[in-house]
Amino acid sequence: MVERRKHPSTLIDDENPEWTVEDFARAKPASEVLPKFMGSVAAAEMLRPKRGRPISANPKAHVNLRLDPDVVAAFRATGRGWQTRLNSALKDWLKDHSPA
């Protein structure tokens, strides 16, 4: 099925018209405006660049692990999140068994 694009006239937003040259001339950077509305601490936090995944309070350890192909196939067959389910299965096993 071919998806047709909407005609540009249907994409006009009357509540948010396109900016004019005068609008851009009046605009101020967020670093000047946000402290007045949110306070300087909250504004500084909001404007601080954030990169990557948030730091976890309980990060997982990265390991290389060799498993039997049938074990991997069985967990992969359950779909997305199979590694999390495998981790949960190992946690459940540890509840009843000693790792040594």
N, C-alpha and C. Protein backbone atom coordinates (compact mmCIF):
# COMPACT_ATOMS: atom_id res chain seq x y z
N MET A 1 0.84 -1.17 0.00
CA MET A 1 0.00 0.00 0.00
C MET A 1 0.89 1.24 0.00
N VAL A 2 0.59 2.18 -0.84
CA VAL A 2 1.36 3.40 -0.95
C VAL A 2 0.78 4.44 0.00
N GLU A 3 1.65 5.01 0.84
CA GLU A 3 1.20 6.03 1.77
C GLU A 3 1.31 7.39 1.08
N ARG A 4 0.21 8.10 1.03
CA ARG A 4 0.20 9.40 0.38
C ARG A 4 0.49 10.49 1.40
N ARG A 5 1.26 11.46 0.98
CA ARG A 5 1.56 12.59 1.86
C ARG A 5 0.37 13.53 1.92
N LYS A 6 0.22 14.16 3.08
CA LYS A 6 -0.85 15.15 3.22
C LYS A 6 -0.45 16.40 2.46
N HIS A 7 -1.43 17.05 1.91
CA HIS A 7 -1.20 18.31 1.22
C HIS A 7 -0.74 19.33 2.24
N PRO A 8 0.27 20.14 1.94
CA PRO A 8 0.80 21.11 2.91
C PRO A 8 -0.25 22.01 3.55
N SER A 9 -1.33 22.31 2.84
CA SER A 9 -2.35 23.19 3.42
C SER A 9 -3.05 22.53 4.60
N THR A 10 -3.03 21.21 4.67
CA THR A 10 -3.66 20.51 5.81
C THR A 10 -2.73 20.47 7.00
N LEU A 11 -1.48 20.85 6.82
CA LEU A 11 -0.51 20.82 7.90
C LEU A 11 -0.36 22.16 8.61
N ILE A 12 -1.09 23.16 8.19
CA ILE A 12 -0.99 24.48 8.80
C ILE A 12 -1.63 24.44 10.19
N ASP A 13 -0.92 24.98 11.15
CA ASP A 13 -1.39 25.02 12.53
C ASP A 13 -1.75 26.47 12.86
N ASP A 14 -3.04 26.78 12.91
CA ASP A 14 -3.48 28.15 13.16
C ASP A 14 -3.11 28.64 14.55
N GLU A 15 -2.97 27.73 15.52
CA GLU A 15 -2.63 28.13 16.88
C GLU A 15 -1.13 28.39 17.03
N ASN A 16 -0.36 27.94 16.09
CA ASN A 16 1.09 28.13 16.15
C ASN A 16 1.58 28.52 14.76
N PRO A 17 1.36 29.78 14.36
CA PRO A 17 1.72 30.19 13.01
C PRO A 17 3.23 30.21 12.80
N GLU A 18 3.62 30.19 11.55
CA GLU A 18 5.04 30.24 11.20
C GLU A 18 5.64 31.56 11.68
N TRP A 19 6.87 31.49 12.20
CA TRP A 19 7.53 32.68 12.72
C TRP A 19 7.92 33.63 11.61
N THR A 20 7.83 34.91 11.94
CA THR A 20 8.25 35.96 11.01
C THR A 20 9.65 36.44 11.40
N VAL A 21 10.22 37.32 10.61
CA VAL A 21 11.52 37.91 10.91
C VAL A 21 11.46 38.66 12.24
N GLU A 22 10.34 39.33 12.49
CA GLU A 22 10.18 40.07 13.74
C GLU A 22 10.14 39.12 14.94
N ASP A 23 9.48 37.98 14.79
CA ASP A 23 9.43 36.99 15.87
C ASP A 23 10.84 36.52 16.23
N PHE A 24 11.64 36.24 15.21
CA PHE A 24 13.00 35.79 15.46
C PHE A 24 13.83 36.88 16.10
N ALA A 25 13.59 38.13 15.74
CA ALA A 25 14.34 39.25 16.31
C ALA A 25 14.03 39.41 17.80
N ARG A 26 12.78 39.12 18.22
CA ARG A 26 12.38 39.24 19.62
C ARG A 26 12.79 38.03 20.45
N ALA A 27 13.11 36.95 19.82
CA ALA A 27 13.41 35.70 20.54
C ALA A 27 14.66 35.85 21.40
N LYS A 28 14.64 35.17 22.56
CA LYS A 28 15.78 35.18 23.47
C LYS A 28 16.20 33.74 23.73
N PRO A 29 17.47 33.52 24.03
CA PRO A 29 17.93 32.17 24.32
C PRO A 29 17.28 31.63 25.59
N ALA A 30 17.12 30.32 25.64
CA ALA A 30 16.53 29.68 26.82
C ALA A 30 17.34 29.97 28.07
N SER A 31 18.65 30.12 27.93
CA SER A 31 19.50 30.38 29.10
C SER A 31 19.16 31.72 29.76
N GLU A 32 18.56 32.65 29.01
CA GLU A 32 18.14 33.94 29.58
C GLU A 32 16.73 33.88 30.16
N VAL A 33 15.87 33.08 29.56
CA VAL A 33 14.45 33.08 29.91
C VAL A 33 14.11 32.09 31.02
N LEU A 34 14.67 30.88 30.96
CA LEU A 34 14.30 29.84 31.92
C LEU A 34 14.55 30.20 33.38
N PRO A 35 15.68 30.83 33.74
CA PRO A 35 15.89 31.15 35.16
C PRO A 35 14.78 32.01 35.76
N LYS A 36 14.16 32.87 34.96
CA LYS A 36 13.08 33.72 35.47
C LYS A 36 11.83 32.89 35.82
N PHE A 37 11.60 31.82 35.08
CA PHE A 37 10.40 31.00 35.28
C PHE A 37 10.63 29.85 36.25
N MET A 38 11.83 29.27 36.22
CA MET A 38 12.07 28.04 36.96
C MET A 38 13.06 28.18 38.10
N GLY A 39 13.78 29.27 38.14
CA GLY A 39 14.86 29.42 39.10
C GLY A 39 16.18 29.01 38.45
N SER A 40 17.27 29.54 38.95
CA SER A 40 18.56 29.32 38.29
C SER A 40 19.04 27.89 38.40
N VAL A 41 18.78 27.21 39.53
CA VAL A 41 19.26 25.84 39.70
C VAL A 41 18.52 24.90 38.75
N ALA A 42 17.20 24.97 38.71
CA ALA A 42 16.42 24.11 37.82
C ALA A 42 16.73 24.40 36.36
N ALA A 43 16.91 25.66 36.01
CA ALA A 43 17.22 26.04 34.64
C ALA A 43 18.58 25.50 34.24
N ALA A 44 19.57 25.60 35.13
CA ALA A 44 20.91 25.09 34.83
C ALA A 44 20.87 23.58 34.60
N GLU A 45 20.08 22.87 35.42
CA GLU A 45 19.96 21.42 35.26
C GLU A 45 19.29 21.08 33.93
N MET A 46 18.26 21.83 33.59
CA MET A 46 17.54 21.56 32.35
C MET A 46 18.41 21.85 31.12
N LEU A 47 19.25 22.86 31.20
CA LEU A 47 20.07 23.26 30.06
C LEU A 47 21.38 22.48 29.96
N ARG A 48 21.72 21.71 31.01
CA ARG A 48 22.97 20.93 30.97
C ARG A 48 22.83 19.81 29.95
N PRO A 49 23.80 19.67 29.05
CA PRO A 49 23.70 18.61 28.05
C PRO A 49 23.72 17.24 28.70
N LYS A 50 22.87 16.36 28.22
CA LYS A 50 22.81 15.00 28.73
C LYS A 50 23.12 14.06 27.58
N ARG A 51 24.06 13.18 27.80
CA ARG A 51 24.45 12.26 26.74
C ARG A 51 24.36 10.84 27.24
N GLY A 52 23.93 9.98 26.35
CA GLY A 52 23.94 8.56 26.65
C GLY A 52 22.86 8.12 27.61
N ARG A 53 22.97 6.90 28.00
CA ARG A 53 22.01 6.28 28.89
C ARG A 53 22.21 6.82 30.31
N PRO A 54 21.11 7.02 31.05
CA PRO A 54 21.26 7.48 32.44
C PRO A 54 22.06 6.47 33.26
N ILE A 55 22.82 6.97 34.22
CA ILE A 55 23.63 6.09 35.06
C ILE A 55 22.72 5.32 36.00
N SER A 56 22.88 4.01 36.01
CA SER A 56 22.06 3.14 36.83
C SER A 56 22.60 3.09 38.25
N ALA A 57 21.70 3.02 39.23
CA ALA A 57 22.11 2.88 40.62
C ALA A 57 22.67 1.48 40.87
N ASN A 58 22.25 0.51 40.06
CA ASN A 58 22.69 -0.87 40.21
C ASN A 58 23.07 -1.41 38.83
N PRO A 59 24.24 -0.99 38.29
CA PRO A 59 24.58 -1.39 36.93
C PRO A 59 24.87 -2.88 36.81
N LYS A 60 24.59 -3.41 35.64
CA LYS A 60 24.86 -4.82 35.37
C LYS A 60 26.32 -4.98 35.01
N ALA A 61 26.87 -6.16 35.30
CA ALA A 61 28.25 -6.47 34.95
C ALA A 61 28.28 -7.06 33.55
N HIS A 62 29.24 -6.61 32.76
CA HIS A 62 29.38 -7.14 31.41
C HIS A 62 30.27 -8.38 31.47
N VAL A 63 29.75 -9.51 30.96
CA VAL A 63 30.52 -10.75 30.92
C VAL A 63 30.34 -11.40 29.56
N ASN A 64 31.34 -12.14 29.16
CA ASN A 64 31.21 -13.01 27.99
C ASN A 64 30.91 -14.39 28.52
N LEU A 65 29.84 -14.97 28.05
CA LEU A 65 29.35 -16.23 28.59
C LEU A 65 29.05 -17.17 27.45
N ARG A 66 29.54 -18.39 27.55
CA ARG A 66 29.29 -19.39 26.52
C ARG A 66 28.20 -20.33 27.02
N LEU A 67 27.11 -20.40 26.29
CA LEU A 67 25.98 -21.24 26.66
C LEU A 67 25.72 -22.26 25.56
N ASP A 68 25.04 -23.34 25.92
CA ASP A 68 24.66 -24.33 24.92
C ASP A 68 23.70 -23.69 23.92
N PRO A 69 23.82 -24.06 22.64
CA PRO A 69 22.96 -23.46 21.61
C PRO A 69 21.47 -23.67 21.87
N ASP A 70 21.09 -24.82 22.44
CA ASP A 70 19.67 -25.06 22.69
C ASP A 70 19.12 -24.15 23.78
N VAL A 71 19.96 -23.78 24.76
CA VAL A 71 19.52 -22.86 25.81
C VAL A 71 19.29 -21.47 25.21
N VAL A 72 20.25 -21.02 24.41
CA VAL A 72 20.13 -19.70 23.77
C VAL A 72 18.93 -19.68 22.84
N ALA A 73 18.76 -20.74 22.05
CA ALA A 73 17.63 -20.80 21.10
C ALA A 73 16.29 -20.76 21.83
N ALA A 74 16.21 -21.46 22.96
CA ALA A 74 14.95 -21.50 23.71
C ALA A 74 14.60 -20.10 24.24
N PHE A 75 15.59 -19.39 24.76
CA PHE A 75 15.30 -18.04 25.28
C PHE A 75 15.07 -17.05 24.16
N ARG A 76 15.83 -17.15 23.07
CA ARG A 76 15.62 -16.24 21.93
C ARG A 76 14.23 -16.44 21.32
N ALA A 77 13.75 -17.66 21.36
CA ALA A 77 12.43 -17.96 20.78
C ALA A 77 11.31 -17.25 21.53
N THR A 78 11.59 -16.78 22.74
CA THR A 78 10.56 -16.08 23.51
C THR A 78 10.43 -14.62 23.09
N GLY A 79 11.30 -14.15 22.19
CA GLY A 79 11.17 -12.79 21.65
C GLY A 79 12.05 -11.78 22.36
N ARG A 80 11.74 -10.52 22.09
CA ARG A 80 12.53 -9.42 22.66
C ARG A 80 12.55 -9.52 24.18
N GLY A 81 13.70 -9.18 24.76
CA GLY A 81 13.84 -9.24 26.20
C GLY A 81 14.32 -10.59 26.70
N TRP A 82 14.77 -11.45 25.77
CA TRP A 82 15.17 -12.80 26.17
C TRP A 82 16.36 -12.77 27.12
N GLN A 83 17.26 -11.82 26.98
CA GLN A 83 18.42 -11.76 27.87
C GLN A 83 17.98 -11.40 29.30
N THR A 84 17.00 -10.53 29.42
CA THR A 84 16.47 -10.18 30.73
C THR A 84 15.80 -11.40 31.37
N ARG A 85 15.06 -12.16 30.55
CA ARG A 85 14.43 -13.37 31.08
C ARG A 85 15.47 -14.41 31.49
N LEU A 86 16.55 -14.52 30.74
CA LEU A 86 17.62 -15.44 31.10
C LEU A 86 18.25 -15.01 32.43
N ASN A 87 18.46 -13.72 32.61
CA ASN A 87 18.99 -13.19 33.86
C ASN A 87 18.04 -13.52 35.02
N SER A 88 16.74 -13.37 34.80
CA SER A 88 15.76 -13.68 35.84
C SER A 88 15.77 -15.16 36.18
N ALA A 89 15.92 -16.01 35.17
CA ALA A 89 15.97 -17.45 35.41
C ALA A 89 17.19 -17.82 36.26
N LEU A 90 18.31 -17.18 35.98
CA LEU A 90 19.51 -17.44 36.79
C LEU A 90 19.33 -16.94 38.22
N LYS A 91 18.67 -15.79 38.39
CA LYS A 91 18.40 -15.29 39.74
C LYS A 91 17.51 -16.27 40.51
N ASP A 92 16.47 -16.79 39.85
CA ASP A 92 15.58 -17.76 40.49
C ASP A 92 16.34 -19.02 40.89
N TRP A 93 17.26 -19.46 40.04
CA TRP A 93 18.04 -20.65 40.33
C TRP A 93 18.90 -20.43 41.58
N LEU A 94 19.45 -19.21 41.70
CA LEU A 94 20.30 -18.91 42.86
C LEU A 94 19.54 -18.90 44.19
N LYS A 95 18.23 -18.69 44.14
CA LYS A 95 17.44 -18.69 45.37
C LYS A 95 17.46 -20.06 46.04
N ASP A 96 17.53 -21.13 45.23
CA ASP A 96 17.45 -22.50 45.77
C ASP A 96 18.77 -23.24 45.74
N HIS A 97 19.79 -22.66 45.10
CA HIS A 97 21.06 -23.37 44.95
C HIS A 97 22.22 -22.49 45.38
N SER A 98 23.30 -23.15 45.74
CA SER A 98 24.54 -22.43 46.05
C SER A 98 25.35 -22.33 44.77
N PRO A 99 25.91 -21.16 44.46
CA PRO A 99 26.65 -21.02 43.21
C PRO A 99 27.94 -21.84 43.19
N ALA A 100 28.42 -22.28 44.34
CA ALA A 100 29.69 -23.05 44.38
C ALA A 100 29.47 -24.53 44.28
